[in-house]
C-alpha atoms as a PDB file:
ATOM      1  CA  MET A   1      58.604  15.939 -25.636  1.00  0.00           C
ATOM      2  CA  LYS A   2      55.878  18.585 -25.700  1.00  0.00           C
ATOM      3  CA  SER A   3      56.943  19.730 -29.166  1.00  0.00           C
ATOM      4  CA  LEU A   4      56.812  16.124 -30.437  1.00  0.00           C
ATOM      5  CA  ILE A   5      53.245  15.727 -29.150  1.00  0.00           C
ATOM      6  CA  LEU A   6      52.272  19.070 -30.681  1.00  0.00           C
ATOM      7  CA  ALA A   7      53.820  18.105 -34.030  1.00  0.00           C
ATOM      8  CA  LEU A   8      51.943  14.791 -34.046  1.00  0.00           C
ATOM      9  CA  ALA A   9      48.664  16.491 -33.166  1.00  0.00           C
ATOM     10  CA  LEU A  10      49.087  19.108 -35.901  1.00  0.00           C
ATOM     11  CA  SER A  11      49.983  16.502 -38.512  1.00  0.00           C
ATOM     12  CA  THR A  12      46.810  14.606 -37.619  1.00  0.00           C
ATOM     13  CA  ILE A  13      44.694  17.724 -38.055  1.00  0.00           C
ATOM     14  CA  ALA A  14      46.384  18.555 -41.360  1.00  0.00           C
ATOM     15  CA  GLY A  15      45.674  15.015 -42.576  1.00  0.00           C
ATOM     16  CA  CYS A  16      41.980  15.475 -41.892  1.00  0.00           C
ATOM     17  CA  ALA A  17      41.932  18.741 -43.793  1.00  0.00           C
ATOM     18  CA  THR A  18      43.562  17.340 -46.927  1.00  0.00           C
ATOM     19  CA  THR A  19      41.303  14.411 -47.757  1.00  0.00           C
ATOM     20  CA  GLY A  20      40.076  16.040 -50.971  1.00  0.00           C
ATOM     21  CA  ILE A  21      36.432  15.218 -50.170  1.00  0.00           C
ATOM     22  CA  THR A  22      34.126  18.193 -50.540  1.00  0.00           C
ATOM     23  CA  LYS A  23      30.371  18.028 -50.030  1.00  0.00           C
ATOM     24  CA  ASN A  24      27.644  20.594 -49.581  1.00  0.00           C
ATOM     25  CA  ILE A  25      25.354  19.569 -46.744  1.00  0.00           C
ATOM     26  CA  GLN A  26      22.132  21.144 -45.478  1.00  0.00           C
ATOM     27  CA  TRP A  27      20.696  20.092 -42.128  1.00  0.00           C
ATOM     28  CA  ARG A  28      16.950  20.415 -41.702  1.00  0.00           C
ATOM     29  CA  ARG A  29      15.387  19.726 -38.314  1.00  0.00           C
ATOM     30  CA  VAL A  30      11.714  19.000 -38.935  1.00  0.00           C
ATOM     31  CA  SER A  31       8.845  17.416 -37.027  1.00  0.00           C
ATOM     32  CA  LEU A  32       8.880  13.646 -36.587  1.00  0.00           C
ATOM     33  CA  GLU A  33       5.757  13.484 -38.760  1.00  0.00           C
ATOM     34  CA  ASP A  34       7.551  15.372 -41.544  1.00  0.00           C
ATOM     35  CA  VAL A  35      10.586  13.083 -41.251  1.00  0.00           C
ATOM     36  CA  GLN A  36       8.271  10.137 -41.926  1.00  0.00           C
ATOM     37  CA  LYS A  37       6.622  11.833 -44.900  1.00  0.00           C
ATOM     38  CA  ILE A  38       9.826  13.121 -46.482  1.00  0.00           C
ATOM     39  CA  CYS A  39      12.039  10.122 -45.884  1.00  0.00           C
ATOM     40  CA  ASN A  40       9.482   7.461 -46.763  1.00  0.00           C
ATOM     41  CA  SER A  41       8.608   9.266 -49.996  1.00  0.00           C
ATOM     42  CA  TYR A  42      12.123   8.439 -51.232  1.00  0.00           C
ATOM     43  CA  ARG A  43      12.160   4.807 -50.096  1.00  0.00           C
ATOM     44  CA  ALA A  44      10.609   1.867 -51.840  1.00  0.00           C
ATOM     45  CA  GLY A  45       8.890  -0.790 -49.780  1.00  0.00           C
ATOM     46  CA  ASN A  46      10.291  -0.447 -46.262  1.00  0.00           C
ATOM     47  CA  LYS A  47       8.099   1.914 -44.225  1.00  0.00           C
ATOM     48  CA  GLU A  48       9.587   1.409 -40.750  1.00  0.00           C
ATOM     49  CA  PRO A  49       9.600   4.499 -38.510  1.00  0.00           C
ATOM     50  CA  LEU A  50      12.557   6.803 -39.121  1.00  0.00           C
ATOM     51  CA  TYR A  51      14.171   9.573 -37.107  1.00  0.00           C
ATOM     52  CA  GLY A  52      16.198  10.891 -40.020  1.00  0.00           C
ATOM     53  CA  CYS A  53      17.451  10.421 -43.554  1.00  0.00           C
ATOM     54  CA  ALA A  54      19.871  11.957 -46.038  1.00  0.00           C
ATOM     55  CA  MET A  55      19.401  12.447 -49.756  1.00  0.00           C
ATOM     56  CA  TYR A  56      20.452  14.259 -52.882  1.00  0.00           C
ATOM     57  CA  ASP A  57      17.427  15.797 -54.547  1.00  0.00           C
ATOM     58  CA  PRO A  58      18.074  18.246 -57.390  1.00  0.00           C
ATOM     59  CA  LYS A  59      14.446  19.433 -57.162  1.00  0.00           C
ATOM     60  CA  ILE A  60      15.122  20.760 -53.648  1.00  0.00           C
ATOM     61  CA  ALA A  61      18.823  21.610 -53.504  1.00  0.00           C
ATOM     62  CA  VAL A  62      21.240  22.679 -56.205  1.00  0.00           C
ATOM     63  CA  ASP A  63      24.997  22.131 -56.532  1.00  0.00           C
ATOM     64  CA  ASN A  64      24.830  18.460 -55.563  1.00  0.00           C
ATOM     65  CA  THR A  65      23.845  19.311 -51.992  1.00  0.00           C
ATOM     66  CA  CYS A  66      23.071  16.482 -49.600  1.00  0.00           C
ATOM     67  CA  ILE A  67      20.103  17.256 -47.371  1.00  0.00           C
ATOM     68  CA  VAL A  68      20.062  15.684 -43.916  1.00  0.00           C
ATOM     69  CA  TYR A  69      16.658  15.533 -42.227  1.00  0.00           C
ATOM     70  CA  THR A  70      16.419  14.794 -38.515  1.00  0.00           C
ATOM     71  CA  SER A  71      13.577  14.997 -36.050  1.00  0.00           C
ATOM     72  CA  ALA A  72      13.345  18.238 -34.105  1.00  0.00           C
ATOM     73  CA  SER A  73      11.612  16.230 -31.370  1.00  0.00           C
ATOM     74  CA  LEU A  74      15.015  14.929 -30.260  1.00  0.00           C
ATOM     75  CA  GLU A  75      16.719  16.957 -27.558  1.00  0.00           C
ATOM     76  CA  LYS A  76      18.932  19.482 -29.326  1.00  0.00           C
ATOM     77  CA  PHE A  77      22.621  18.474 -29.290  1.00  0.00           C
ATOM     78  CA  SER A  78      21.881  15.357 -27.240  1.00  0.00           C
ATOM     79  CA  PRO A  79      24.132  12.323 -27.786  1.00  0.00           C
ATOM     80  CA  ILE A  80      21.280  10.647 -29.691  1.00  0.00           C
ATOM     81  CA  GLU A  81      20.857  13.620 -32.022  1.00  0.00           C
ATOM     82  CA  GLN A  82      24.615  13.771 -32.590  1.00  0.00           C
ATOM     83  CA  LEU A  83      24.758  10.058 -33.370  1.00  0.00           C
ATOM     84  CA  LEU A  84      21.789  10.307 -35.737  1.00  0.00           C
ATOM     85  CA  PHE A  85      23.221  13.336 -37.539  1.00  0.00           C
ATOM     86  CA  GLY A  86      26.574  11.574 -37.959  1.00  0.00           C
ATOM     87  CA  HIS A  87      24.845   8.446 -39.221  1.00  0.00           C
ATOM     88  CA  GLU A  88      22.847  10.374 -41.794  1.00  0.00           C
ATOM     89  CA  MET A  89      25.829  12.487 -42.825  1.00  0.00           C
ATOM     90  CA  MET A  90      27.730   9.274 -43.586  1.00  0.00           C
ATOM     91  CA  HIS A  91      25.069   8.601 -46.222  1.00  0.00           C
ATOM     92  CA  CYS A  92      26.058  11.882 -47.886  1.00  0.00           C
ATOM     93  CA  PHE A  93      29.593  10.537 -48.308  1.00  0.00           C
ATOM     94  CA  GLU A  94      29.057   6.789 -48.671  1.00  0.00           C
ATOM     95  CA  GLY A  95      25.541   6.424 -50.123  1.00  0.00           C
ATOM     96  CA  ASP A  96      23.412   3.503 -48.967  1.00  0.00           C
ATOM     97  CA  TRP A  97      26.058   1.775 -46.862  1.00  0.00           C
ATOM     98  CA  HIS A  98      23.468  -0.368 -45.025  1.00  0.00           C
ATOM     99  CA  LYS A  99      23.500  -2.935 -47.849  1.00  0.00           C
END
């Protein structure tokens, strides 16, 4: 029974590793003020407060790197920061999925 559970667990891990999706991602923790400046400079119209954003900008990063900006004012590694980072990283893979 233990070997069956181990085999299932390993096959799950192997499945995650063979998705074929490769992205370069940079994470930049900046001040909340800088998050507003950076993120709103790439958005048209909507200027609601933000705690993070993700973008591809060839002027800043090469090799099709997605840059994730989050506020350094959040407690480091807190559940909120983890959720925000995951949310923004999804944009690196899925684009503007809010639509």
